[in-house]
Amino acid sequence: MERAAPAPTRLGRLRVYVAEMFPPLVHVPASAAGFYAAYFLGHAAASPGPVRVTAASVGGAATVLLVSLLLRVFDELKDLETDRVLFKERPVPSGRVTVADLKALMGALLVSIALLNAFQPRPVLIAFLGVLGFAFLTFRYFFIPGFLRTRVVWLLITHQPLVPLVGLYAVISGTVAAGGRLGSGSAAVVLIGWLPALAWELSRKIRAPEQEDAYVTYSRVFGTRGAALAALAPIVAAAALAPWLGRRLDLGWGWVAPIVAAAALAVLGFGRFLARPSPASAKLRPFAEVFAVAFYFAAVLGVGLARGVRPGG
């Protein structure tokens, strides 16, 4: 099969890439919700007063969005050979976007996120440098790509710490805006906020037995039901810890209801797959996504209603 001709300009090709691999209508609200959930909870853990939404926090939310796109580009460059075999329809393997295009996008993203964080308060800047440094380690596969490429569990262990690091960046942003200090409540926010993302990561690589192919999945490693239970566990844990965190931060029960409802929906979806694994029931990722969205939006609304929100400096 002949490859499709690239779009006439680099900008046109990159629009194709972003539209297919990083749809803005999905990722812009998801990144904003994820950042501000941790920001609001971190602010609430540091101060009993209203949440101050600062201009710096807008830069933080933009940073999380652009770092997410940067990680998508990193994955694309790391997995070129695999994608040419297993995902030929994607923009780069199909020839509609070039490797040079991705490298140009990577450079533009690095410049943009550096500018967004150049004037952040020092604690936020340090957290950002930690996120960026760890992101580059994952790009280099921690310098052992041949070992990690086919070992999905080791990839999970070495790459997942980036998610709580991003959460810590957002929590520190909220803590600085509140004029407070990091404490045990801040650590709890980072840990609990990481659980929905962990569930999403695990759920996206689970297949029914008849769907398995050369692509390495968690269901091949842990077994079909073992992988499903591993992905469901963080959802159940987050829902179980939500009331405790609400009491600790004096948020009331309003923010817990959507989280518990989304967790119940996930239990039903995962339970159907556990009872009878099949291609029809193997679509578990949407349940994890619904839970993550419910968790992050509930955090913003719960803290906002309990503490109030006002513009900051």
C-alpha atoms as a PDB file:
ATOM      1  CA  MET A   1       0.000   0.000   0.000  1.00  0.00           C
ATOM      2  CA  GLU A   2       1.359   3.413  -0.957  1.00  0.00           C
ATOM      3  CA  ARG A   3       1.721   5.994   1.745  1.00  0.00           C
ATOM      4  CA  ALA A   4      -0.511   9.029   1.624  1.00  0.00           C
ATOM      5  CA  ALA A   5       1.170  12.224   0.471  1.00  0.00           C
ATOM      6  CA  PRO A   6       2.045  14.590   3.316  1.00  0.00           C
ATOM      7  CA  ALA A   7       0.009  17.760   3.745  1.00  0.00           C
ATOM      8  CA  PRO A   8       1.582  20.666   1.825  1.00  0.00           C
ATOM      9  CA  THR A   9       3.019  22.538   4.831  1.00  0.00           C
ATOM     10  CA  ARG A  10       4.542  21.567   8.146  1.00  0.00           C
ATOM     11  CA  LEU A  11       1.831  23.454  10.004  1.00  0.00           C
ATOM     12  CA  GLY A  12      -0.812  21.559   8.057  1.00  0.00           C
ATOM     13  CA  ARG A  13       0.826  18.246   8.825  1.00  0.00           C
ATOM     14  CA  LEU A  14       1.077  19.068  12.516  1.00  0.00           C
ATOM     15  CA  ARG A  15      -2.585  20.009  12.568  1.00  0.00           C
ATOM     16  CA  VAL A  16      -3.311  16.538  11.219  1.00  0.00           C
ATOM     17  CA  TYR A  17      -1.115  15.015  13.911  1.00  0.00           C
ATOM     18  CA  VAL A  18      -2.661  16.932  16.812  1.00  0.00           C
ATOM     19  CA  ALA A  19      -6.210  16.364  15.564  1.00  0.00           C
ATOM     20  CA  GLU A  20      -5.715  12.583  15.425  1.00  0.00           C
ATOM     21  CA  MET A  21      -3.280  11.869  18.243  1.00  0.00           C
ATOM     22  CA  PHE A  22      -4.053  14.656  20.745  1.00  0.00           C
ATOM     23  CA  PRO A  23      -7.600  15.956  20.092  1.00  0.00           C
ATOM     24  CA  PRO A  24      -7.827  19.418  21.708  1.00  0.00           C
ATOM     25  CA  LEU A  25     -11.522  19.061  22.574  1.00  0.00           C
ATOM     26  CA  VAL A  26     -10.554  16.123  24.787  1.00  0.00           C
ATOM     27  CA  HIS A  27      -7.164  17.102  26.132  1.00  0.00           C
ATOM     28  CA  VAL A  28      -7.640  20.814  26.861  1.00  0.00           C
ATOM     29  CA  PRO A  29     -10.503  20.323  29.366  1.00  0.00           C
ATOM     30  CA  ALA A  30      -8.929  17.116  30.721  1.00  0.00           C
ATOM     31  CA  SER A  31      -5.589  18.824  31.409  1.00  0.00           C
ATOM     32  CA  ALA A  32      -7.263  21.875  32.936  1.00  0.00           C
ATOM     33  CA  ALA A  33      -9.453  19.705  35.159  1.00  0.00           C
ATOM     34  CA  GLY A  34      -6.515  17.557  36.272  1.00  0.00           C
ATOM     35  CA  PHE A  35      -4.337  20.566  37.092  1.00  0.00           C
ATOM     36  CA  TYR A  36      -7.008  22.570  38.894  1.00  0.00           C
ATOM     37  CA  ALA A  37      -8.222  19.550  40.857  1.00  0.00           C
ATOM     38  CA  ALA A  38      -4.759  19.170  42.392  1.00  0.00           C
ATOM     39  CA  TYR A  39      -4.354  22.970  42.627  1.00  0.00           C
ATOM     40  CA  PHE A  40      -7.667  23.424  44.482  1.00  0.00           C
ATOM     41  CA  LEU A  41      -7.051  20.475  46.801  1.00  0.00           C
ATOM     42  CA  GLY A  42      -3.474  21.607  47.457  1.00  0.00           C
ATOM     43  CA  HIS A  43      -4.745  25.115  48.241  1.00  0.00           C
ATOM     44  CA  ALA A  44      -7.380  23.677  50.585  1.00  0.00           C
ATOM     45  CA  ALA A  45      -4.747  21.561  52.351  1.00  0.00           C
ATOM     46  CA  ALA A  46      -2.586  24.652  52.927  1.00  0.00           C
ATOM     47  CA  SER A  47      -5.207  27.266  53.838  1.00  0.00           C
ATOM     48  CA  PRO A  48      -8.777  27.371  55.188  1.00  0.00           C
ATOM     49  CA  GLY A  49      -9.581  30.446  53.116  1.00  0.00           C
ATOM     50  CA  PRO A  50     -10.996  30.905  49.601  1.00  0.00           C
ATOM     51  CA  VAL A  51      -9.050  29.483  46.685  1.00  0.00           C
ATOM     52  CA  ARG A  52      -7.045  32.131  44.843  1.00  0.00           C
ATOM     53  CA  VAL A  53      -6.919  31.487  41.099  1.00  0.00           C
ATOM     54  CA  THR A  54      -3.822  33.349  39.949  1.00  0.00           C
ATOM     55  CA  ALA A  55      -2.358  34.176  36.551  1.00  0.00           C
ATOM     56  CA  ALA A  56       0.492  31.824  37.450  1.00  0.00           C
ATOM     57  CA  SER A  57      -2.026  28.997  37.831  1.00  0.00           C
ATOM     58  CA  VAL A  58      -3.247  29.574  34.270  1.00  0.00           C
ATOM     59  CA  GLY A  59       0.357  29.157  33.149  1.00  0.00           C
ATOM     60  CA  GLY A  60       0.525  25.977  35.230  1.00  0.00           C
ATOM     61  CA  ALA A  61      -2.572  24.551  33.576  1.00  0.00           C
ATOM     62  CA  ALA A  62      -1.131  25.394  30.154  1.00  0.00           C
ATOM     63  CA  THR A  63       2.116  23.718  31.186  1.00  0.00           C
ATOM     64  CA  VAL A  64       0.335  20.478  32.042  1.00  0.00           C
ATOM     65  CA  LEU A  65      -1.414  20.524  28.661  1.00  0.00           C
ATOM     66  CA  LEU A  66       1.787  21.151  26.710  1.00  0.00           C
ATOM     67  CA  VAL A  67       3.781  18.623  28.732  1.00  0.00           C
ATOM     68  CA  SER A  68       1.080  16.052  27.946  1.00  0.00           C
ATOM     69  CA  LEU A  69       1.487  16.792  24.231  1.00  0.00           C
ATOM     70  CA  LEU A  70       5.269  16.635  24.605  1.00  0.00           C
ATOM     71  CA  LEU A  71       4.971  13.173  26.163  1.00  0.00           C
ATOM     72  CA  ARG A  72       2.752  12.122  23.251  1.00  0.00           C
ATOM     73  CA  VAL A  73       5.508  13.239  20.856  1.00  0.00           C
ATOM     74  CA  PHE A  74       8.125  11.424  22.942  1.00  0.00           C
ATOM     75  CA  ASP A  75       6.089   8.220  22.700  1.00  0.00           C
ATOM     76  CA  GLU A  76       5.719   8.688  18.960  1.00  0.00           C
ATOM     77  CA  LEU A  77       9.470   9.013  18.476  1.00  0.00           C
ATOM     78  CA  LYS A  78      10.247   6.112  20.818  1.00  0.00           C
ATOM     79  CA  ASP A  79       7.792   3.733  19.145  1.00  0.00           C
ATOM     80  CA  LEU A  80       8.447   4.449  15.467  1.00  0.00           C
ATOM     81  CA  GLU A  81       9.386   0.879  14.574  1.00  0.00           C
ATOM     82  CA  THR A  82       6.555  -0.689  16.568  1.00  0.00           C
ATOM     83  CA  ASP A  83       3.983   1.680  15.089  1.00  0.00           C
ATOM     84  CA  ARG A  84       5.123   0.918  11.541  1.00  0.00           C
ATOM     85  CA  VAL A  85       4.185  -2.707  12.162  1.00  0.00           C
ATOM     86  CA  LEU A  86       1.152  -2.513  14.455  1.00  0.00           C
ATOM     87  CA  PHE A  87      -0.379   0.936  13.817  1.00  0.00           C
ATOM     88  CA  LYS A  88       0.242   1.685  10.166  1.00  0.00           C
ATOM     89  CA  GLU A  89      -2.768   3.993   9.934  1.00  0.00           C
ATOM     90  CA  ARG A  90      -1.359   6.566  12.357  1.00  0.00           C
ATOM     91  CA  PRO A  91      -0.081   9.878  10.941  1.00  0.00           C
ATOM     92  CA  VAL A  92       3.652   9.119  11.105  1.00  0.00           C
ATOM     93  CA  PRO A  93       3.677   5.468   9.927  1.00  0.00           C
ATOM     94  CA  SER A  94       1.237   6.371   7.142  1.00  0.00           C
ATOM     95  CA  GLY A  95       3.564   9.108   5.890  1.00  0.00           C
ATOM     96  CA  ARG A  96       1.164  11.987   6.454  1.00  0.00           C
ATOM     97  CA  VAL A  97       3.463  13.459   9.136  1.00  0.00           C
ATOM     98  CA  THR A  98       7.252  13.254   9.146  1.00  0.00           C
ATOM     99  CA  VAL A  99       9.733  12.643  11.953  1.00  0.00           C
ATOM    100  CA  ALA A 100      11.192  16.080  11.240  1.00  0.00           C
ATOM    101  CA  ASP A 101       7.740  17.556  11.885  1.00  0.00           C
ATOM    102  CA  LEU A 102       7.631  15.910  15.305  1.00  0.00           C
ATOM    103  CA  LYS A 103      11.093  17.139  16.200  1.00  0.00           C
ATOM    104  CA  ALA A 104      10.087  20.679  15.241  1.00  0.00           C
ATOM    105  CA  LEU A 105       6.964  20.355  17.405  1.00  0.00           C
ATOM    106  CA  MET A 106       9.072  19.039  20.272  1.00  0.00           C
ATOM    107  CA  GLY A 107      11.351  22.068  20.067  1.00  0.00           C
ATOM    108  CA  ALA A 108       8.413  24.484  19.986  1.00  0.00           C
ATOM    109  CA  LEU A 109       6.838  22.793  22.995  1.00  0.00           C
ATOM    110  CA  LEU A 110      10.063  22.944  25.005  1.00  0.00           C
ATOM    111  CA  VAL A 111      10.447  26.658  24.323  1.00  0.00           C
ATOM    112  CA  SER A 112       6.798  27.306  25.202  1.00  0.00           C
ATOM    113  CA  ILE A 113       6.804  25.482  28.532  1.00  0.00           C
ATOM    114  CA  ALA A 114      10.135  27.058  29.465  1.00  0.00           C
ATOM    115  CA  LEU A 115       8.660  30.522  28.891  1.00  0.00           C
ATOM    116  CA  LEU A 116       5.506  29.634  30.829  1.00  0.00           C
ATOM    117  CA  ASN A 117       7.563  28.677  33.875  1.00  0.00           C
ATOM    118  CA  ALA A 118      10.454  31.136  33.690  1.00  0.00           C
ATOM    119  CA  PHE A 119       8.722  33.570  36.061  1.00  0.00           C
ATOM    120  CA  GLN A 120       6.906  31.100  38.295  1.00  0.00           C
ATOM    121  CA  PRO A 121       7.649  31.238  42.047  1.00  0.00           C
ATOM    122  CA  ARG A 122      10.790  29.281  42.911  1.00  0.00           C
ATOM    123  CA  PRO A 123       9.044  26.236  44.467  1.00  0.00           C
ATOM    124  CA  VAL A 124       6.854  25.878  41.362  1.00  0.00           C
ATOM    125  CA  LEU A 125       9.861  26.304  39.064  1.00  0.00           C
ATOM    126  CA  ILE A 126      11.781  23.586  40.930  1.00  0.00           C
ATOM    127  CA  ALA A 127       8.798  21.238  40.644  1.00  0.00           C
ATOM    128  CA  PHE A 128       8.556  21.996  36.928  1.00  0.00           C
ATOM    129  CA  LEU A 129      12.239  21.180  36.417  1.00  0.00           C
ATOM    130  CA  GLY A 130      11.637  17.866  38.184  1.00  0.00           C
ATOM    131  CA  VAL A 131       8.757  17.083  35.825  1.00  0.00           C
ATOM    132  CA  LEU A 132      10.752  18.033  32.744  1.00  0.00           C
ATOM    133  CA  GLY A 133      13.850  16.122  33.857  1.00  0.00           C
ATOM    134  CA  PHE A 134      11.886  12.951  34.570  1.00  0.00           C
ATOM    135  CA  ALA A 135      10.046  13.319  31.255  1.00  0.00           C
ATOM    136  CA  PHE A 136      13.372  13.273  29.426  1.00  0.00           C
ATOM    137  CA  LEU A 137      14.395  10.152  31.338  1.00  0.00           C
ATOM    138  CA  THR A 138      11.263   8.409  30.080  1.00  0.00           C
ATOM    139  CA  PHE A 139      12.068   9.633  26.556  1.00  0.00           C
ATOM    140  CA  ARG A 140      15.430   7.928  26.813  1.00  0.00           C
ATOM    141  CA  TYR A 141      13.733   4.821  28.276  1.00  0.00           C
ATOM    142  CA  PHE A 142      16.090   5.338  31.213  1.00  0.00           C
ATOM    143  CA  PHE A 143      18.891   4.472  28.765  1.00  0.00           C
ATOM    144  CA  ILE A 144      17.847   0.821  28.425  1.00  0.00           C
ATOM    145  CA  PRO A 145      15.217   0.908  25.639  1.00  0.00           C
ATOM    146  CA  GLY A 146      15.934  -2.634  24.442  1.00  0.00           C
ATOM    147  CA  PHE A 147      15.063  -3.995  27.870  1.00  0.00           C
ATOM    148  CA  LEU A 148      12.048  -1.820  28.642  1.00  0.00           C
ATOM    149  CA  ARG A 149      10.327  -1.796  25.233  1.00  0.00           C
ATOM    150  CA  THR A 150       8.835  -5.262  25.644  1.00  0.00           C
ATOM    151  CA  ARG A 151       8.447  -5.261  29.432  1.00  0.00           C
ATOM    152  CA  VAL A 152       5.224  -3.450  30.105  1.00  0.00           C
ATOM    153  CA  VAL A 153       5.405  -3.812  33.904  1.00  0.00           C
ATOM    154  CA  TRP A 154       8.857  -2.252  34.051  1.00  0.00           C
ATOM    155  CA  LEU A 155       7.625   0.528  31.776  1.00  0.00           C
ATOM    156  CA  LEU A 156       4.793   1.137  34.243  1.00  0.00           C
ATOM    157  CA  ILE A 157       7.164   1.200  37.221  1.00  0.00           C
ATOM    158  CA  THR A 158       9.684   3.524  35.578  1.00  0.00           C
ATOM    159  CA  HIS A 159       7.245   5.874  33.825  1.00  0.00           C
ATOM    160  CA  GLN A 160       4.314   6.231  36.238  1.00  0.00           C
ATOM    161  CA  PRO A 161       6.192   8.367  38.812  1.00  0.00           C
ATOM    162  CA  LEU A 162       5.891  11.169  36.273  1.00  0.00           C
ATOM    163  CA  VAL A 163       2.153  11.389  37.007  1.00  0.00           C
ATOM    164  CA  PRO A 164       2.477  12.167  40.756  1.00  0.00           C
ATOM    165  CA  LEU A 165       5.323  14.542  39.885  1.00  0.00           C
ATOM    166  CA  VAL A 166       2.909  16.506  37.694  1.00  0.00           C
ATOM    167  CA  GLY A 167       0.373  16.327  40.520  1.00  0.00           C
ATOM    168  CA  LEU A 168       2.987  17.655  42.935  1.00  0.00           C
ATOM    169  CA  TYR A 169       3.689  20.535  40.538  1.00  0.00           C
ATOM    170  CA  ALA A 170      -0.005  21.476  40.629  1.00  0.00           C
ATOM    171  CA  VAL A 171      -0.272  21.012  44.419  1.00  0.00           C
ATOM    172  CA  ILE A 172       2.773  23.222  44.974  1.00  0.00           C
ATOM    173  CA  SER A 173       1.198  25.842  42.700  1.00  0.00           C
ATOM    174  CA  GLY A 174      -1.937  25.813  44.871  1.00  0.00           C
ATOM    175  CA  THR A 175       0.082  25.823  48.094  1.00  0.00           C
ATOM    176  CA  VAL A 176       2.131  28.840  46.996  1.00  0.00           C
ATOM    177  CA  ALA A 177      -1.037  30.690  45.961  1.00  0.00           C
ATOM    178  CA  ALA A 178      -2.484  29.972  49.420  1.00  0.00           C
ATOM    179  CA  GLY A 179       0.649  31.275  51.146  1.00  0.00           C
ATOM    180  CA  GLY A 180       1.014  27.966  52.986  1.00  0.00           C
ATOM    181  CA  ARG A 181       3.444  25.081  53.240  1.00  0.00           C
ATOM    182  CA  LEU A 182       3.462  21.513  52.033  1.00  0.00           C
ATOM    183  CA  GLY A 183       2.402  18.960  54.623  1.00  0.00           C
ATOM    184  CA  SER A 184       0.876  15.522  55.055  1.00  0.00           C
ATOM    185  CA  GLY A 185      -2.383  16.777  53.544  1.00  0.00           C
ATOM    186  CA  SER A 186      -0.503  17.817  50.418  1.00  0.00           C
ATOM    187  CA  ALA A 187       1.068  14.372  50.151  1.00  0.00           C
ATOM    188  CA  ALA A 188      -2.355  12.755  50.506  1.00  0.00           C
ATOM    189  CA  VAL A 189      -3.707  14.924  47.687  1.00  0.00           C
ATOM    190  CA  VAL A 190      -0.851  13.885  45.379  1.00  0.00           C
ATOM    191  CA  LEU A 191      -1.320  10.194  46.176  1.00  0.00           C
ATOM    192  CA  ILE A 192      -5.115  10.098  45.862  1.00  0.00           C
ATOM    193  CA  GLY A 193      -5.069  12.277  42.745  1.00  0.00           C
ATOM    194  CA  TRP A 194      -2.650   9.838  41.103  1.00  0.00           C
ATOM    195  CA  LEU A 195      -5.011   6.859  41.443  1.00  0.00           C
ATOM    196  CA  PRO A 196      -7.443   7.782  38.610  1.00  0.00           C
ATOM    197  CA  ALA A 197      -4.505   8.238  36.221  1.00  0.00           C
ATOM    198  CA  LEU A 198      -3.066   4.875  37.266  1.00  0.00           C
ATOM    199  CA  ALA A 199      -6.417   3.206  36.590  1.00  0.00           C
ATOM    200  CA  TRP A 200      -6.527   4.808  33.132  1.00  0.00           C
ATOM    201  CA  GLU A 201      -3.017   3.633  32.283  1.00  0.00           C
ATOM    202  CA  LEU A 202      -3.767   0.046  33.302  1.00  0.00           C
ATOM    203  CA  SER A 203      -7.179  -0.102  31.643  1.00  0.00           C
ATOM    204  CA  ARG A 204      -5.970   1.059  28.232  1.00  0.00           C
ATOM    205  CA  LYS A 205      -3.802  -2.041  27.745  1.00  0.00           C
ATOM    206  CA  ILE A 206      -6.286  -4.795  28.586  1.00  0.00           C
ATOM    207  CA  ARG A 207      -7.752  -7.082  25.928  1.00  0.00           C
ATOM    208  CA  ALA A 208      -9.864 -10.190  25.703  1.00  0.00           C
ATOM    209  CA  PRO A 209      -7.858 -13.358  24.949  1.00  0.00           C
ATOM    210  CA  GLU A 210      -8.907 -13.458  21.285  1.00  0.00           C
ATOM    211  CA  GLN A 211      -7.755  -9.859  20.789  1.00  0.00           C
ATOM    212  CA  GLU A 212      -4.153 -10.381  21.874  1.00  0.00           C
ATOM    213  CA  ASP A 213      -1.449  -9.943  19.240  1.00  0.00           C
ATOM    214  CA  ALA A 214       2.194  -8.832  19.169  1.00  0.00           C
ATOM    215  CA  TYR A 215       1.344  -5.692  21.155  1.00  0.00           C
ATOM    216  CA  VAL A 216       2.365  -6.195  24.794  1.00  0.00           C
ATOM    217  CA  THR A 217      -0.596  -5.686  27.150  1.00  0.00           C
ATOM    218  CA  TYR A 218      -1.150  -5.971  30.891  1.00  0.00           C
ATOM    219  CA  SER A 219      -3.634  -8.766  30.231  1.00  0.00           C
ATOM    220  CA  ARG A 220      -0.863 -10.832  28.648  1.00  0.00           C
ATOM    221  CA  VAL A 221       1.307 -10.337  31.731  1.00  0.00           C
ATOM    222  CA  PHE A 222      -1.226 -10.550  34.573  1.00  0.00           C
ATOM    223  CA  GLY A 223      -3.896 -12.595  32.826  1.00  0.00           C
ATOM    224  CA  THR A 224      -7.222 -11.257  31.641  1.00  0.00           C
ATOM    225  CA  ARG A 225      -8.944 -11.062  35.002  1.00  0.00           C
ATOM    226  CA  GLY A 226      -5.797 -10.188  36.930  1.00  0.00           C
ATOM    227  CA  ALA A 227      -5.192  -7.138  34.758  1.00  0.00           C
ATOM    228  CA  ALA A 228      -8.825  -6.018  35.074  1.00  0.00           C
ATOM    229  CA  LEU A 229      -8.682  -6.294  38.866  1.00  0.00           C
ATOM    230  CA  ALA A 230      -5.388  -4.382  38.918  1.00  0.00           C
ATOM    231  CA  ALA A 231      -6.986  -1.546  36.922  1.00  0.00           C
ATOM    232  CA  LEU A 232     -10.140  -1.509  39.046  1.00  0.00           C
ATOM    233  CA  ALA A 233      -8.244  -1.413  42.352  1.00  0.00           C
ATOM    234  CA  PRO A 234      -7.095   2.248  42.073  1.00  0.00           C
ATOM    235  CA  ILE A 235     -10.652   3.323  41.270  1.00  0.00           C
ATOM    236  CA  VAL A 236     -12.038   1.574  44.330  1.00  0.00           C
ATOM    237  CA  ALA A 237      -9.191   2.928  46.473  1.00  0.00           C
ATOM    238  CA  ALA A 238      -9.758   6.522  45.304  1.00  0.00           C
ATOM    239  CA  ALA A 239     -13.502   6.267  45.958  1.00  0.00           C
ATOM    240  CA  ALA A 240     -12.847   4.787  49.405  1.00  0.00           C
ATOM    241  CA  LEU A 241     -10.339   7.526  50.315  1.00  0.00           C
ATOM    242  CA  ALA A 242     -12.444  10.411  49.003  1.00  0.00           C
ATOM    243  CA  PRO A 243     -14.640  10.702  52.153  1.00  0.00           C
ATOM    244  CA  TRP A 244     -11.541  10.644  54.366  1.00  0.00           C
ATOM    245  CA  LEU A 245      -9.876  13.401  52.336  1.00  0.00           C
ATOM    246  CA  GLY A 246     -13.121  15.391  52.373  1.00  0.00           C
ATOM    247  CA  ARG A 247     -13.268  15.241  56.155  1.00  0.00           C
ATOM    248  CA  ARG A 248      -9.606  16.163  56.490  1.00  0.00           C
ATOM    249  CA  LEU A 249      -9.997  19.215  54.261  1.00  0.00           C
ATOM    250  CA  ASP A 250     -13.475  20.065  55.605  1.00  0.00           C
ATOM    251  CA  LEU A 251     -15.092  19.791  52.180  1.00  0.00           C
ATOM    252  CA  GLY A 252     -18.343  18.139  53.175  1.00  0.00           C
ATOM    253  CA  TRP A 253     -19.960  15.248  51.355  1.00  0.00           C
ATOM    254  CA  GLY A 254     -20.922  17.102  48.194  1.00  0.00           C
ATOM    255  CA  TRP A 255     -17.720  16.287  46.364  1.00  0.00           C
ATOM    256  CA  VAL A 256     -17.878  12.581  47.260  1.00  0.00           C
ATOM    257  CA  ALA A 257     -21.173  11.738  45.511  1.00  0.00           C
ATOM    258  CA  PRO A 258     -19.960  12.038  41.878  1.00  0.00           C
ATOM    259  CA  ILE A 259     -16.806  10.075  42.705  1.00  0.00           C
ATOM    260  CA  VAL A 260     -18.729   7.218  44.293  1.00  0.00           C
ATOM    261  CA  ALA A 261     -21.262   7.198  41.438  1.00  0.00           C
ATOM    262  CA  ALA A 262     -18.503   7.029  38.807  1.00  0.00           C
ATOM    263  CA  ALA A 263     -16.751   4.284  40.788  1.00  0.00           C
ATOM    264  CA  ALA A 264     -19.987   2.275  40.911  1.00  0.00           C
ATOM    265  CA  LEU A 265     -20.310   2.605  37.132  1.00  0.00           C
ATOM    266  CA  ALA A 266     -16.721   1.394  36.745  1.00  0.00           C
ATOM    267  CA  VAL A 267     -17.382  -1.592  39.001  1.00  0.00           C
ATOM    268  CA  LEU A 268     -20.309  -2.559  36.771  1.00  0.00           C
ATOM    269  CA  GLY A 269     -18.258  -2.192  33.591  1.00  0.00           C
ATOM    270  CA  PHE A 270     -15.255  -4.067  34.926  1.00  0.00           C
ATOM    271  CA  GLY A 271     -17.543  -6.655  36.525  1.00  0.00           C
ATOM    272  CA  ARG A 272     -19.087  -7.452  33.151  1.00  0.00           C
ATOM    273  CA  PHE A 273     -15.634  -8.088  31.728  1.00  0.00           C
ATOM    274  CA  LEU A 274     -14.550 -10.140  34.735  1.00  0.00           C
ATOM    275  CA  ALA A 275     -17.664 -12.303  34.454  1.00  0.00           C
ATOM    276  CA  ARG A 276     -17.271 -12.909  30.723  1.00  0.00           C
ATOM    277  CA  PRO A 277     -14.138 -11.554  29.015  1.00  0.00           C
ATOM    278  CA  SER A 278     -14.870 -10.812  25.361  1.00  0.00           C
ATOM    279  CA  PRO A 279     -14.078  -8.129  22.759  1.00  0.00           C
ATOM    280  CA  ALA A 280     -17.476  -6.552  23.479  1.00  0.00           C
ATOM    281  CA  SER A 281     -16.817  -6.231  27.218  1.00  0.00           C
ATOM    282  CA  ALA A 282     -13.094  -5.457  26.946  1.00  0.00           C
ATOM    283  CA  LYS A 283     -13.548  -1.705  26.445  1.00  0.00           C
ATOM    284  CA  LEU A 284     -12.578  -0.762  29.987  1.00  0.00           C
ATOM    285  CA  ARG A 285     -10.726   2.468  29.285  1.00  0.00           C
ATOM    286  CA  PRO A 286     -13.925   4.592  28.979  1.00  0.00           C
ATOM    287  CA  PHE A 287     -14.956   3.572  32.499  1.00  0.00           C
ATOM    288  CA  ALA A 288     -11.576   4.698  33.850  1.00  0.00           C
ATOM    289  CA  GLU A 289     -11.853   7.939  31.876  1.00  0.00           C
ATOM    290  CA  VAL A 290     -15.321   8.686  33.236  1.00  0.00           C
ATOM    291  CA  PHE A 291     -14.059   8.073  36.746  1.00  0.00           C
ATOM    292  CA  ALA A 292     -11.045  10.354  36.252  1.00  0.00           C
ATOM    293  CA  VAL A 293     -13.225  13.152  34.850  1.00  0.00           C
ATOM    294  CA  ALA A 294     -15.719  12.767  37.707  1.00  0.00           C
ATOM    295  CA  PHE A 295     -12.921  12.814  40.287  1.00  0.00           C
ATOM    296  CA  TYR A 296     -11.181  15.905  38.942  1.00  0.00           C
ATOM    297  CA  PHE A 297     -14.316  17.948  38.313  1.00  0.00           C
ATOM    298  CA  ALA A 298     -15.723  16.920  41.705  1.00  0.00           C
ATOM    299  CA  ALA A 299     -12.519  18.154  43.347  1.00  0.00           C
ATOM    300  CA  VAL A 300     -12.763  21.572  41.689  1.00  0.00           C
ATOM    301  CA  LEU A 301     -16.471  21.951  42.413  1.00  0.00           C
ATOM    302  CA  GLY A 302     -16.227  20.502  45.919  1.00  0.00           C
ATOM    303  CA  VAL A 303     -13.424  22.778  47.039  1.00  0.00           C
ATOM    304  CA  GLY A 304     -14.928  25.761  45.214  1.00  0.00           C
ATOM    305  CA  LEU A 305     -18.291  25.351  46.911  1.00  0.00           C
ATOM    306  CA  ALA A 306     -16.817  24.653  50.328  1.00  0.00           C
ATOM    307  CA  ARG A 307     -14.167  27.397  50.361  1.00  0.00           C
ATOM    308  CA  GLY A 308     -15.157  29.871  47.669  1.00  0.00           C
ATOM    309  CA  VAL A 309     -13.014  31.106  44.784  1.00  0.00           C
ATOM    310  CA  ARG A 310     -11.563  34.516  44.069  1.00  0.00           C
ATOM    311  CA  PRO A 311      -9.075  35.890  41.545  1.00  0.00           C
ATOM    312  CA  GLY A 312      -5.515  36.225  42.770  1.00  0.00           C
ATOM    313  CA  GLY A 313      -2.464  38.160  41.732  1.00  0.00           C
END
